[in-house]
Amino acid sequence: MGEKNTLAGPKPLSLFTSHVPMPDRIAIALGDPRGIGPEVTLRAIASELGADDARYLLIGDPQPLHVLKEAMGLQLSLQAFGGDWDAGRVLLHAPSSSTDFKHSALTWLADGAQRCLRGEADALVTSPVNKEAIIRAGEKSFVGQTEFLSALAGTSNTVMMLLGADDRGRWLRVALATIHIPLKEVPARLGREKIELAIERAAQACRDLRLPRARIAVCGLNPHAGEGGEFGDEEITTITPAVEAARQKGFDVTGPLAADTLFHYAYRGDYDAVVAMYHDQGLAPLKMVAFENGVNWTLGLPFIRTSPDHGTAYDIAGKGAANPSSMIAAIRLAKQLTRQQDG
């Protein structure tokens, strides 16, 4: 059976100083203002305030947050942020408009990322955005938040990992070799380097989570992992060489394996993470297992970034029906990684 991960404890005191560890500083970009991001954020924070002394900086439009808080009957004290993280537990910041971004969600996203890059925040949690709305607002090159943050941080070596557990504590952790591209482009866009990177990032993620091992399994691209070349040769020409190269570097990795059976073995705990070749190959089983509490974690950024694994859900926004479980999980993971990084 898969192991159950727990959050790390409080930041340890240094052996050489008596200073009390600083509270976690979690920046949260509120995403599309018309979606469920603001309300699940408020609900998630309300449920987390008693767990520790973390500070939360909500980056977005403050006025709707006050309205939402009252409508949902939440006992939260929302304070304007003036640069002091100790001014309150839940702080609000509305970045000034910028000609660089034509959509408020991107302005908020960039503000949170830049705070992390400057060391002013320990982690960034990002609420969902609507890609179509952002593109229509003028950002024609926008692909997704992961790509946007990678460009902002000046790195192309990021990997998207989705992770979550069922109600019995059985985990799936899935790293993607390719993400937001049309399915017909996947074979041409797959390369040995991308697969090796996904393997390496997945193994590092296991270490960052303090798992006892980092056993990685790699999916094939084609049905039955290609049947020895009968259903395609990407397993032979691209995926196997990448797996072998990673194994030569010392990684505990196996594959390519048929995806239709691999996820069963990962789910029961034989592997600690799976590398999938394309978006839906990895996300369909992950969401089957952890639809309500899945988390998107960007591996390879110079700062911690997590996100709930759901969309804007316009149809239920503002109705008080949005489930905050995924946002709670994203906030908890951000705090866990922050504490383990400091430890």
C-alpha atoms as a PDB file:
ATOM      1  CA  MET A   1       0.000   0.000   0.000  1.00  0.00           C
ATOM      2  CA  GLY A   2       1.195   3.573  -0.578  1.00  0.00           C
ATOM      3  CA  GLU A   3       2.643   5.458   2.372  1.00  0.00           C
ATOM      4  CA  LYS A   4       0.829   8.332   4.007  1.00  0.00           C
ATOM      5  CA  ASN A   5       2.752  11.603   3.982  1.00  0.00           C
ATOM      6  CA  THR A   6       2.368  14.000   6.900  1.00  0.00           C
ATOM      7  CA  LEU A   7       3.208  17.650   7.176  1.00  0.00           C
ATOM      8  CA  ALA A   8       6.564  18.548   8.627  1.00  0.00           C
ATOM      9  CA  GLY A   9       6.610  19.912  12.163  1.00  0.00           C
ATOM     10  CA  PRO A  10       7.487  23.470  13.163  1.00  0.00           C
ATOM     11  CA  LYS A  11      10.687  24.994  11.845  1.00  0.00           C
ATOM     12  CA  PRO A  12      13.509  23.694  14.088  1.00  0.00           C
ATOM     13  CA  LEU A  13      15.502  26.002  16.309  1.00  0.00           C
ATOM     14  CA  SER A  14      19.093  26.422  15.214  1.00  0.00           C
ATOM     15  CA  LEU A  15      21.774  24.770  17.345  1.00  0.00           C
ATOM     16  CA  PHE A  16      23.715  28.027  17.288  1.00  0.00           C
ATOM     17  CA  THR A  17      21.037  30.623  18.053  1.00  0.00           C
ATOM     18  CA  SER A  18      18.067  31.134  20.325  1.00  0.00           C
ATOM     19  CA  HIS A  19      16.028  32.996  17.714  1.00  0.00           C
ATOM     20  CA  VAL A  20      12.454  31.792  17.277  1.00  0.00           C
ATOM     21  CA  PRO A  21      11.774  30.567  13.711  1.00  0.00           C
ATOM     22  CA  MET A  22       9.907  33.060  11.550  1.00  0.00           C
ATOM     23  CA  PRO A  23       6.301  32.222  10.592  1.00  0.00           C
ATOM     24  CA  ASP A  24       5.776  30.914   7.076  1.00  0.00           C
ATOM     25  CA  ARG A  25       4.972  33.708   4.615  1.00  0.00           C
ATOM     26  CA  ILE A  26       2.599  32.360   1.972  1.00  0.00           C
ATOM     27  CA  ALA A  27       1.645  34.582  -0.961  1.00  0.00           C
ATOM     28  CA  ILE A  28      -1.578  33.623  -2.731  1.00  0.00           C
ATOM     29  CA  ALA A  29      -2.406  35.025  -6.179  1.00  0.00           C
ATOM     30  CA  LEU A  30      -6.197  35.030  -6.353  1.00  0.00           C
ATOM     31  CA  GLY A  31      -6.524  34.090 -10.039  1.00  0.00           C
ATOM     32  CA  ASP A  32      -9.532  34.908 -12.168  1.00  0.00           C
ATOM     33  CA  PRO A  33     -11.666  37.349 -10.130  1.00  0.00           C
ATOM     34  CA  ARG A  34     -14.854  35.854 -11.623  1.00  0.00           C
ATOM     35  CA  GLY A  35     -13.960  32.291 -10.656  1.00  0.00           C
ATOM     36  CA  ILE A  36     -13.931  30.330  -7.404  1.00  0.00           C
ATOM     37  CA  GLY A  37     -10.327  31.196  -6.512  1.00  0.00           C
ATOM     38  CA  PRO A  38     -11.147  33.984  -4.019  1.00  0.00           C
ATOM     39  CA  GLU A  39     -13.816  32.018  -2.161  1.00  0.00           C
ATOM     40  CA  VAL A  40     -11.874  28.747  -1.867  1.00  0.00           C
ATOM     41  CA  THR A  41      -8.876  30.769  -0.712  1.00  0.00           C
ATOM     42  CA  LEU A  42     -10.837  32.401   2.101  1.00  0.00           C
ATOM     43  CA  ARG A  43     -12.380  29.086   3.165  1.00  0.00           C
ATOM     44  CA  ALA A  44      -9.007  27.345   3.069  1.00  0.00           C
ATOM     45  CA  ILE A  45      -7.300  30.006   5.161  1.00  0.00           C
ATOM     46  CA  ALA A  46     -10.146  29.992   7.677  1.00  0.00           C
ATOM     47  CA  SER A  47      -9.591  26.257   8.134  1.00  0.00           C
ATOM     48  CA  GLU A  48      -5.805  26.613   8.423  1.00  0.00           C
ATOM     49  CA  LEU A  49      -5.441  29.578  10.782  1.00  0.00           C
ATOM     50  CA  GLY A  50      -5.528  27.425  13.894  1.00  0.00           C
ATOM     51  CA  ALA A  51      -2.920  24.967  12.603  1.00  0.00           C
ATOM     52  CA  ASP A  52       0.140  27.220  12.919  1.00  0.00           C
ATOM     53  CA  ASP A  53       1.273  30.833  12.884  1.00  0.00           C
ATOM     54  CA  ALA A  54       1.657  31.226   9.106  1.00  0.00           C
ATOM     55  CA  ARG A  55       0.978  34.595   7.492  1.00  0.00           C
ATOM     56  CA  TYR A  56      -1.005  34.834   4.260  1.00  0.00           C
ATOM     57  CA  LEU A  57      -0.728  37.596   1.684  1.00  0.00           C
ATOM     58  CA  LEU A  58      -3.740  37.584  -0.652  1.00  0.00           C
ATOM     59  CA  ILE A  59      -2.841  39.314  -3.906  1.00  0.00           C
ATOM     60  CA  GLY A  60      -5.888  40.589  -5.750  1.00  0.00           C
ATOM     61  CA  ASP A  61      -8.831  42.944  -5.447  1.00  0.00           C
ATOM     62  CA  PRO A  62      -9.586  43.490  -1.731  1.00  0.00           C
ATOM     63  CA  GLN A  63     -13.154  44.786  -2.008  1.00  0.00           C
ATOM     64  CA  PRO A  64     -14.765  41.546  -3.276  1.00  0.00           C
ATOM     65  CA  LEU A  65     -12.896  39.609  -0.589  1.00  0.00           C
ATOM     66  CA  HIS A  66     -14.564  41.606   2.167  1.00  0.00           C
ATOM     67  CA  VAL A  67     -17.948  40.994   0.536  1.00  0.00           C
ATOM     68  CA  LEU A  68     -17.249  37.262   0.178  1.00  0.00           C
ATOM     69  CA  LYS A  69     -16.056  36.972   3.755  1.00  0.00           C
ATOM     70  CA  GLU A  70     -19.279  38.487   5.061  1.00  0.00           C
ATOM     71  CA  ALA A  71     -21.467  36.452   2.720  1.00  0.00           C
ATOM     72  CA  MET A  72     -19.818  33.195   3.823  1.00  0.00           C
ATOM     73  CA  GLY A  73     -19.876  34.136   7.494  1.00  0.00           C
ATOM     74  CA  LEU A  74     -16.153  33.628   7.939  1.00  0.00           C
ATOM     75  CA  GLN A  75     -14.473  34.935  11.085  1.00  0.00           C
ATOM     76  CA  LEU A  76     -11.406  36.349   9.372  1.00  0.00           C
ATOM     77  CA  SER A  77      -9.639  39.612  10.062  1.00  0.00           C
ATOM     78  CA  LEU A  78      -8.408  40.994   6.735  1.00  0.00           C
ATOM     79  CA  GLN A  79      -5.696  43.637   6.995  1.00  0.00           C
ATOM     80  CA  ALA A  80      -4.215  45.883   4.307  1.00  0.00           C
ATOM     81  CA  PHE A  81      -0.594  45.007   3.603  1.00  0.00           C
ATOM     82  CA  GLY A  82       1.933  47.781   3.960  1.00  0.00           C
ATOM     83  CA  GLY A  83       5.075  45.678   3.808  1.00  0.00           C
ATOM     84  CA  ASP A  84       4.931  44.265   7.351  1.00  0.00           C
ATOM     85  CA  TRP A  85       4.061  40.560   7.490  1.00  0.00           C
ATOM     86  CA  ASP A  86       3.391  40.860  11.226  1.00  0.00           C
ATOM     87  CA  ALA A  87       0.558  43.353  10.723  1.00  0.00           C
ATOM     88  CA  GLY A  88      -1.950  40.494  10.705  1.00  0.00           C
ATOM     89  CA  ARG A  89      -2.473  36.844   9.842  1.00  0.00           C
ATOM     90  CA  VAL A  90      -4.369  37.518   6.612  1.00  0.00           C
ATOM     91  CA  LEU A  91      -3.070  40.462   4.590  1.00  0.00           C
ATOM     92  CA  LEU A  92      -4.470  42.008   1.423  1.00  0.00           C
ATOM     93  CA  HIS A  93      -2.489  43.573  -1.401  1.00  0.00           C
ATOM     94  CA  ALA A  94      -3.747  45.048  -4.681  1.00  0.00           C
ATOM     95  CA  PRO A  95      -0.837  45.574  -7.097  1.00  0.00           C
ATOM     96  CA  SER A  96      -0.940  48.748  -9.150  1.00  0.00           C
ATOM     97  CA  SER A  97      -1.993  48.267 -12.760  1.00  0.00           C
ATOM     98  CA  SER A  98       0.826  47.617 -15.190  1.00  0.00           C
ATOM     99  CA  THR A  99       1.027  48.069 -18.927  1.00  0.00           C
ATOM    100  CA  ASP A 100       2.957  44.789 -19.063  1.00  0.00           C
ATOM    101  CA  PHE A 101      -0.171  42.779 -18.233  1.00  0.00           C
ATOM    102  CA  LYS A 102      -3.606  43.295 -19.725  1.00  0.00           C
ATOM    103  CA  HIS A 103      -5.374  40.967 -17.351  1.00  0.00           C
ATOM    104  CA  SER A 104      -5.574  41.380 -13.577  1.00  0.00           C
ATOM    105  CA  ALA A 105      -4.936  37.685 -12.863  1.00  0.00           C
ATOM    106  CA  LEU A 106      -1.531  37.925 -14.538  1.00  0.00           C
ATOM    107  CA  THR A 107      -0.671  41.099 -12.649  1.00  0.00           C
ATOM    108  CA  TRP A 108      -1.405  39.327  -9.365  1.00  0.00           C
ATOM    109  CA  LEU A 109       0.471  36.211 -10.455  1.00  0.00           C
ATOM    110  CA  ALA A 110       3.551  38.208 -11.424  1.00  0.00           C
ATOM    111  CA  ASP A 111       3.472  40.174  -8.170  1.00  0.00           C
ATOM    112  CA  GLY A 112       3.488  36.994  -6.090  1.00  0.00           C
ATOM    113  CA  ALA A 113       6.281  35.419  -8.114  1.00  0.00           C
ATOM    114  CA  GLN A 114       8.447  38.521  -7.884  1.00  0.00           C
ATOM    115  CA  ARG A 115       7.998  38.606  -4.108  1.00  0.00           C
ATOM    116  CA  CYS A 116       9.253  35.035  -3.923  1.00  0.00           C
ATOM    117  CA  LEU A 117      12.190  35.798  -6.208  1.00  0.00           C
ATOM    118  CA  ARG A 118      13.146  38.739  -3.979  1.00  0.00           C
ATOM    119  CA  GLY A 119      12.868  36.594  -0.855  1.00  0.00           C
ATOM    120  CA  GLU A 120       9.901  38.572   0.461  1.00  0.00           C
ATOM    121  CA  ALA A 121       7.634  35.487   0.507  1.00  0.00           C
ATOM    122  CA  ASP A 122       8.462  31.858   1.215  1.00  0.00           C
ATOM    123  CA  ALA A 123       6.063  30.295  -1.274  1.00  0.00           C
ATOM    124  CA  LEU A 124       3.465  31.154  -3.898  1.00  0.00           C
ATOM    125  CA  VAL A 125       0.074  29.472  -4.142  1.00  0.00           C
ATOM    126  CA  THR A 126      -1.810  30.295  -7.331  1.00  0.00           C
ATOM    127  CA  SER A 127      -5.566  30.210  -7.783  1.00  0.00           C
ATOM    128  CA  PRO A 128      -6.983  29.106 -11.156  1.00  0.00           C
ATOM    129  CA  VAL A 129      -7.100  31.363 -14.189  1.00  0.00           C
ATOM    130  CA  ASN A 130      -9.026  31.131 -17.441  1.00  0.00           C
ATOM    131  CA  LYS A 131      -6.624  30.826 -20.363  1.00  0.00           C
ATOM    132  CA  GLU A 132      -9.201  31.833 -22.940  1.00  0.00           C
ATOM    133  CA  ALA A 133     -10.035  35.019 -21.019  1.00  0.00           C
ATOM    134  CA  ILE A 134      -6.365  35.947 -20.697  1.00  0.00           C
ATOM    135  CA  ILE A 135      -5.711  35.405 -24.398  1.00  0.00           C
ATOM    136  CA  ARG A 136      -8.773  37.458 -25.328  1.00  0.00           C
ATOM    137  CA  ALA A 137      -7.506  40.218 -23.019  1.00  0.00           C
ATOM    138  CA  GLY A 138      -4.435  40.550 -25.234  1.00  0.00           C
ATOM    139  CA  GLU A 139      -1.914  38.024 -23.926  1.00  0.00           C
ATOM    140  CA  LYS A 140      -1.828  35.981 -27.144  1.00  0.00           C
ATOM    141  CA  SER A 141       1.234  33.973 -26.128  1.00  0.00           C
ATOM    142  CA  PHE A 142      -0.186  32.819 -22.782  1.00  0.00           C
ATOM    143  CA  VAL A 143      -0.181  29.018 -22.450  1.00  0.00           C
ATOM    144  CA  GLY A 144      -0.543  28.435 -18.731  1.00  0.00           C
ATOM    145  CA  GLN A 145       0.577  29.606 -15.309  1.00  0.00           C
ATOM    146  CA  THR A 146       3.425  27.091 -15.219  1.00  0.00           C
ATOM    147  CA  GLU A 147       4.906  28.425 -18.452  1.00  0.00           C
ATOM    148  CA  PHE A 148       4.290  32.028 -17.409  1.00  0.00           C
ATOM    149  CA  LEU A 149       6.120  31.576 -14.104  1.00  0.00           C
ATOM    150  CA  SER A 150       8.959  29.695 -15.781  1.00  0.00           C
ATOM    151  CA  ALA A 151       9.494  32.582 -18.194  1.00  0.00           C
ATOM    152  CA  LEU A 152       9.313  35.112 -15.371  1.00  0.00           C
ATOM    153  CA  ALA A 153      11.931  33.175 -13.409  1.00  0.00           C
ATOM    154  CA  GLY A 154      14.136  32.793 -16.482  1.00  0.00           C
ATOM    155  CA  THR A 155      14.133  29.006 -16.579  1.00  0.00           C
ATOM    156  CA  SER A 156      12.917  26.428 -19.085  1.00  0.00           C
ATOM    157  CA  ASN A 157      13.755  23.421 -16.913  1.00  0.00           C
ATOM    158  CA  THR A 158      10.498  23.195 -15.001  1.00  0.00           C
ATOM    159  CA  VAL A 159       8.258  20.159 -14.751  1.00  0.00           C
ATOM    160  CA  MET A 160       4.626  19.985 -13.700  1.00  0.00           C
ATOM    161  CA  MET A 161       3.839  17.460 -10.986  1.00  0.00           C
ATOM    162  CA  LEU A 162       0.318  16.637  -9.817  1.00  0.00           C
ATOM    163  CA  LEU A 163      -0.100  14.772  -6.556  1.00  0.00           C
ATOM    164  CA  GLY A 164      -2.884  13.716  -4.264  1.00  0.00           C
ATOM    165  CA  ALA A 165      -4.148  10.932  -2.023  1.00  0.00           C
ATOM    166  CA  ASP A 166      -7.391   9.042  -1.656  1.00  0.00           C
ATOM    167  CA  ASP A 167      -9.317   8.775   1.618  1.00  0.00           C
ATOM    168  CA  ARG A 168      -7.085   5.856   2.690  1.00  0.00           C
ATOM    169  CA  GLY A 169      -3.852   7.782   2.278  1.00  0.00           C
ATOM    170  CA  ARG A 170      -2.797   6.115  -0.977  1.00  0.00           C
ATOM    171  CA  TRP A 171      -0.859   8.590  -3.109  1.00  0.00           C
ATOM    172  CA  LEU A 172      -0.305   9.206  -6.768  1.00  0.00           C
ATOM    173  CA  ARG A 173       2.451  11.605  -7.848  1.00  0.00           C
ATOM    174  CA  VAL A 174       2.660  12.279 -11.568  1.00  0.00           C
ATOM    175  CA  ALA A 175       5.291  14.346 -13.386  1.00  0.00           C
ATOM    176  CA  LEU A 176       4.562  15.330 -16.984  1.00  0.00           C
ATOM    177  CA  ALA A 177       7.107  15.186 -19.807  1.00  0.00           C
ATOM    178  CA  THR A 178       4.899  17.500 -21.916  1.00  0.00           C
ATOM    179  CA  ILE A 179       2.000  19.614 -20.743  1.00  0.00           C
ATOM    180  CA  HIS A 180      -0.176  22.149 -22.562  1.00  0.00           C
ATOM    181  CA  ILE A 181       0.210  21.100 -26.188  1.00  0.00           C
ATOM    182  CA  PRO A 182      -2.168  19.448 -28.675  1.00  0.00           C
ATOM    183  CA  LEU A 183      -2.112  15.666 -28.533  1.00  0.00           C
ATOM    184  CA  LYS A 184      -1.088  15.422 -32.191  1.00  0.00           C
ATOM    185  CA  GLU A 185       2.121  17.317 -31.372  1.00  0.00           C
ATOM    186  CA  VAL A 186       3.211  15.115 -28.470  1.00  0.00           C
ATOM    187  CA  PRO A 187       5.358  12.588 -30.420  1.00  0.00           C
ATOM    188  CA  ALA A 188       7.307  15.334 -32.159  1.00  0.00           C
ATOM    189  CA  ARG A 189       7.738  17.396 -28.987  1.00  0.00           C
ATOM    190  CA  LEU A 190       8.864  14.493 -26.821  1.00  0.00           C
ATOM    191  CA  GLY A 191      12.607  14.278 -26.552  1.00  0.00           C
ATOM    192  CA  ARG A 192      15.086  12.332 -24.516  1.00  0.00           C
ATOM    193  CA  GLU A 193      16.111  15.494 -22.640  1.00  0.00           C
ATOM    194  CA  LYS A 194      12.524  16.285 -21.596  1.00  0.00           C
ATOM    195  CA  ILE A 195      11.949  12.782 -20.305  1.00  0.00           C
ATOM    196  CA  GLU A 196      15.262  12.721 -18.437  1.00  0.00           C
ATOM    197  CA  LEU A 197      14.406  16.075 -16.871  1.00  0.00           C
ATOM    198  CA  ALA A 198      10.999  14.819 -15.748  1.00  0.00           C
ATOM    199  CA  ILE A 199      12.615  11.735 -14.180  1.00  0.00           C
ATOM    200  CA  GLU A 200      15.210  13.815 -12.363  1.00  0.00           C
ATOM    201  CA  ARG A 201      12.673  16.363 -11.143  1.00  0.00           C
ATOM    202  CA  ALA A 202      10.307  13.608  -9.970  1.00  0.00           C
ATOM    203  CA  ALA A 203      13.104  11.955  -7.987  1.00  0.00           C
ATOM    204  CA  GLN A 204      14.074  15.283  -6.419  1.00  0.00           C
ATOM    205  CA  ALA A 205      10.431  15.879  -5.510  1.00  0.00           C
ATOM    206  CA  CYS A 206      10.396  12.596  -3.599  1.00  0.00           C
ATOM    207  CA  ARG A 207      13.482  13.732  -1.704  1.00  0.00           C
ATOM    208  CA  ASP A 208      11.935  17.158  -1.037  1.00  0.00           C
ATOM    209  CA  LEU A 209       8.911  15.393   0.419  1.00  0.00           C
ATOM    210  CA  ARG A 210      11.260  13.372   2.647  1.00  0.00           C
ATOM    211  CA  LEU A 211       9.985  10.082   1.293  1.00  0.00           C
ATOM    212  CA  PRO A 212      12.086   7.050   2.267  1.00  0.00           C
ATOM    213  CA  ARG A 213      12.824   6.288  -1.389  1.00  0.00           C
ATOM    214  CA  ALA A 214      12.457   7.773  -4.872  1.00  0.00           C
ATOM    215  CA  ARG A 215      11.385   4.924  -7.122  1.00  0.00           C
ATOM    216  CA  ILE A 216      10.228   6.320 -10.481  1.00  0.00           C
ATOM    217  CA  ALA A 217       8.223   4.542 -13.195  1.00  0.00           C
ATOM    218  CA  VAL A 218       7.977   5.904 -16.743  1.00  0.00           C
ATOM    219  CA  CYS A 219       4.947   5.482 -19.004  1.00  0.00           C
ATOM    220  CA  GLY A 220       5.154   4.450 -22.600  1.00  0.00           C
ATOM    221  CA  LEU A 221       3.564   6.735 -25.163  1.00  0.00           C
ATOM    222  CA  ASN A 222       1.758   4.136 -27.244  1.00  0.00           C
ATOM    223  CA  PRO A 223      -0.725   1.393 -26.254  1.00  0.00           C
ATOM    224  CA  HIS A 224       1.049  -1.472 -24.475  1.00  0.00           C
ATOM    225  CA  ALA A 225       4.228   0.648 -24.529  1.00  0.00           C
ATOM    226  CA  GLY A 226       4.481   0.112 -28.270  1.00  0.00           C
ATOM    227  CA  GLU A 227       4.515  -3.715 -28.322  1.00  0.00           C
ATOM    228  CA  GLY A 228       8.163  -3.795 -29.390  1.00  0.00           C
ATOM    229  CA  GLY A 229       7.608  -1.274 -32.149  1.00  0.00           C
ATOM    230  CA  GLU A 230       4.348  -2.664 -33.492  1.00  0.00           C
ATOM    231  CA  PHE A 231       2.314   0.347 -32.328  1.00  0.00           C
ATOM    232  CA  GLY A 232       4.952   3.034 -32.680  1.00  0.00           C
ATOM    233  CA  ASP A 233       8.652   3.311 -32.029  1.00  0.00           C
ATOM    234  CA  GLU A 234       8.920   6.210 -29.550  1.00  0.00           C
ATOM    235  CA  GLU A 235       9.505   3.750 -26.726  1.00  0.00           C
ATOM    236  CA  ILE A 236      12.513   2.353 -28.582  1.00  0.00           C
ATOM    237  CA  THR A 237      13.969   5.554 -30.026  1.00  0.00           C
ATOM    238  CA  THR A 238      13.279   8.073 -27.273  1.00  0.00           C
ATOM    239  CA  ILE A 239      11.847   6.828 -23.983  1.00  0.00           C
ATOM    240  CA  THR A 240      14.099   3.813 -23.338  1.00  0.00           C
ATOM    241  CA  PRO A 241      17.310   5.791 -24.010  1.00  0.00           C
ATOM    242  CA  ALA A 242      16.114   8.466 -21.576  1.00  0.00           C
ATOM    243  CA  VAL A 243      15.354   5.876 -18.897  1.00  0.00           C
ATOM    244  CA  GLU A 244      18.724   4.209 -19.416  1.00  0.00           C
ATOM    245  CA  ALA A 245      20.537   7.539 -19.210  1.00  0.00           C
ATOM    246  CA  ALA A 246      18.759   8.392 -15.952  1.00  0.00           C
ATOM    247  CA  ARG A 247      19.569   4.964 -14.569  1.00  0.00           C
ATOM    248  CA  GLN A 248      23.234   5.503 -15.429  1.00  0.00           C
ATOM    249  CA  LYS A 249      23.100   8.682 -13.339  1.00  0.00           C
ATOM    250  CA  GLY A 250      21.986   6.635 -10.350  1.00  0.00           C
ATOM    251  CA  PHE A 251      18.230   7.158 -10.423  1.00  0.00           C
ATOM    252  CA  ASP A 252      15.947   4.302  -9.363  1.00  0.00           C
ATOM    253  CA  VAL A 253      13.806   4.297 -12.502  1.00  0.00           C
ATOM    254  CA  THR A 254      12.071   1.721 -14.653  1.00  0.00           C
ATOM    255  CA  GLY A 255      10.183   1.838 -17.947  1.00  0.00           C
ATOM    256  CA  PRO A 256       8.733   2.443 -20.360  1.00  0.00           C
ATOM    257  CA  LEU A 257       5.734   0.557 -19.022  1.00  0.00           C
ATOM    258  CA  ALA A 258       2.201   0.341 -20.379  1.00  0.00           C
ATOM    259  CA  ALA A 259       0.297   3.225 -18.824  1.00  0.00           C
ATOM    260  CA  ASP A 260      -2.949   1.268 -18.514  1.00  0.00           C
ATOM    261  CA  THR A 261      -1.379  -0.980 -15.862  1.00  0.00           C
ATOM    262  CA  LEU A 262       1.402   1.211 -14.500  1.00  0.00           C
ATOM    263  CA  PHE A 263      -0.914   3.519 -12.577  1.00  0.00           C
ATOM    264  CA  HIS A 264      -2.432   0.550 -10.750  1.00  0.00           C
ATOM    265  CA  TYR A 265       1.000  -0.459  -9.452  1.00  0.00           C
ATOM    266  CA  ALA A 266       1.904   3.112  -8.533  1.00  0.00           C
ATOM    267  CA  TYR A 267      -1.409   3.503  -6.711  1.00  0.00           C
ATOM    268  CA  ARG A 268      -0.758   0.439  -4.586  1.00  0.00           C
ATOM    269  CA  GLY A 269       2.672   1.810  -3.634  1.00  0.00           C
ATOM    270  CA  ASP A 270       5.143  -0.032  -5.869  1.00  0.00           C
ATOM    271  CA  TYR A 271       6.421   3.302  -7.204  1.00  0.00           C
ATOM    272  CA  ASP A 272       6.735   6.708  -5.597  1.00  0.00           C
ATOM    273  CA  ALA A 273       6.152   8.791  -8.719  1.00  0.00           C
ATOM    274  CA  VAL A 274       5.165   8.292 -12.340  1.00  0.00           C
ATOM    275  CA  VAL A 275       6.454  10.170 -15.366  1.00  0.00           C
ATOM    276  CA  ALA A 276       3.668  10.499 -17.941  1.00  0.00           C
ATOM    277  CA  MET A 277       4.263  11.469 -21.550  1.00  0.00           C
ATOM    278  CA  TYR A 278       1.384  13.917 -21.946  1.00  0.00           C
ATOM    279  CA  HIS A 279      -1.176  15.876 -19.963  1.00  0.00           C
ATOM    280  CA  ASP A 280      -4.248  13.633 -19.916  1.00  0.00           C
ATOM    281  CA  GLN A 281      -2.257  10.405 -19.663  1.00  0.00           C
ATOM    282  CA  GLY A 282      -1.153  11.529 -16.218  1.00  0.00           C
ATOM    283  CA  LEU A 283      -4.010  13.696 -15.031  1.00  0.00           C
ATOM    284  CA  ALA A 284      -6.900  11.321 -15.744  1.00  0.00           C
ATOM    285  CA  PRO A 285      -5.782   8.699 -13.187  1.00  0.00           C
ATOM    286  CA  LEU A 286      -4.613  11.373 -10.734  1.00  0.00           C
ATOM    287  CA  LYS A 287      -8.016  13.070 -10.749  1.00  0.00           C
ATOM    288  CA  MET A 288      -9.755   9.719 -10.462  1.00  0.00           C
ATOM    289  CA  VAL A 289      -7.874   9.128  -7.203  1.00  0.00           C
ATOM    290  CA  ALA A 290      -7.723  12.665  -5.804  1.00  0.00           C
ATOM    291  CA  PHE A 291     -10.259  14.832  -7.610  1.00  0.00           C
ATOM    292  CA  GLU A 292     -11.073  16.949  -4.554  1.00  0.00           C
ATOM    293  CA  ASN A 293      -7.583  17.334  -3.056  1.00  0.00           C
ATOM    294  CA  GLY A 294      -5.089  17.126  -5.925  1.00  0.00           C
ATOM    295  CA  VAL A 295      -2.267  19.681  -6.002  1.00  0.00           C
ATOM    296  CA  ASN A 296      -0.259  21.094  -8.883  1.00  0.00           C
ATOM    297  CA  TRP A 297       3.412  21.590  -7.904  1.00  0.00           C
ATOM    298  CA  THR A 298       5.877  23.236 -10.295  1.00  0.00           C
ATOM    299  CA  LEU A 299       9.234  21.492 -10.006  1.00  0.00           C
ATOM    300  CA  GLY A 300      12.405  23.359 -10.929  1.00  0.00           C
ATOM    301  CA  LEU A 301      11.399  26.940 -10.163  1.00  0.00           C
ATOM    302  CA  PRO A 302      13.748  28.927  -7.897  1.00  0.00           C
ATOM    303  CA  PHE A 303      10.835  29.253  -5.447  1.00  0.00           C
ATOM    304  CA  ILE A 304       8.019  27.054  -4.150  1.00  0.00           C
ATOM    305  CA  ARG A 305       4.834  27.213  -6.206  1.00  0.00           C
ATOM    306  CA  THR A 306       1.727  25.108  -5.683  1.00  0.00           C
ATOM    307  CA  SER A 307      -1.812  25.384  -6.984  1.00  0.00           C
ATOM    308  CA  PRO A 308      -5.161  23.651  -6.538  1.00  0.00           C
ATOM    309  CA  ASP A 309      -5.837  21.148  -9.282  1.00  0.00           C
ATOM    310  CA  HIS A 310      -9.102  22.606 -10.586  1.00  0.00           C
ATOM    311  CA  GLY A 311     -10.333  25.366 -12.821  1.00  0.00           C
ATOM    312  CA  THR A 312     -12.250  28.601 -12.400  1.00  0.00           C
ATOM    313  CA  ALA A 313     -15.672  26.871 -12.214  1.00  0.00           C
ATOM    314  CA  TYR A 314     -17.633  29.928 -13.349  1.00  0.00           C
ATOM    315  CA  ASP A 315     -20.890  27.984 -13.027  1.00  0.00           C
ATOM    316  CA  ILE A 316     -20.667  27.764  -9.228  1.00  0.00           C
ATOM    317  CA  ALA A 317     -18.596  30.873  -8.451  1.00  0.00           C
ATOM    318  CA  GLY A 318     -20.174  33.079  -5.797  1.00  0.00           C
ATOM    319  CA  LYS A 319     -22.739  30.469  -4.761  1.00  0.00           C
ATOM    320  CA  GLY A 320     -20.864  29.155  -1.742  1.00  0.00           C
ATOM    321  CA  ALA A 321     -20.718  25.664  -3.232  1.00  0.00           C
ATOM    322  CA  ALA A 322     -17.018  25.495  -4.133  1.00  0.00           C
ATOM    323  CA  ASN A 323     -15.030  22.810  -2.298  1.00  0.00           C
ATOM    324  CA  PRO A 324     -11.818  24.261  -0.773  1.00  0.00           C
ATOM    325  CA  SER A 325     -10.091  20.872  -0.276  1.00  0.00           C
ATOM    326  CA  SER A 326      -7.663  21.268  -3.173  1.00  0.00           C
ATOM    327  CA  MET A 327      -6.709  24.788  -2.075  1.00  0.00           C
ATOM    328  CA  ILE A 328      -6.203  23.564   1.489  1.00  0.00           C
ATOM    329  CA  ALA A 329      -3.928  20.814   0.154  1.00  0.00           C
ATOM    330  CA  ALA A 330      -1.988  23.324  -1.974  1.00  0.00           C
ATOM    331  CA  ILE A 331      -1.459  25.636   1.018  1.00  0.00           C
ATOM    332  CA  ARG A 332      -0.399  22.746   3.243  1.00  0.00           C
ATOM    333  CA  LEU A 333       2.094  21.493   0.689  1.00  0.00           C
ATOM    334  CA  ALA A 334       3.552  24.992   0.293  1.00  0.00           C
ATOM    335  CA  LYS A 335       4.025  25.243   4.066  1.00  0.00           C
ATOM    336  CA  GLN A 336       5.458  21.726   4.296  1.00  0.00           C
ATOM    337  CA  LEU A 337       8.025  22.432   1.596  1.00  0.00           C
ATOM    338  CA  THR A 338       8.925  25.775   3.168  1.00  0.00           C
ATOM    339  CA  ARG A 339       9.611  24.179   6.554  1.00  0.00           C
ATOM    340  CA  GLN A 340      11.554  21.277   5.125  1.00  0.00           C
ATOM    341  CA  GLN A 341      13.606  23.646   3.008  1.00  0.00           C
ATOM    342  CA  ASP A 342      14.457  25.680   6.090  1.00  0.00           C
ATOM    343  CA  GLY A 343      15.183  22.550   8.094  1.00  0.00           C
END
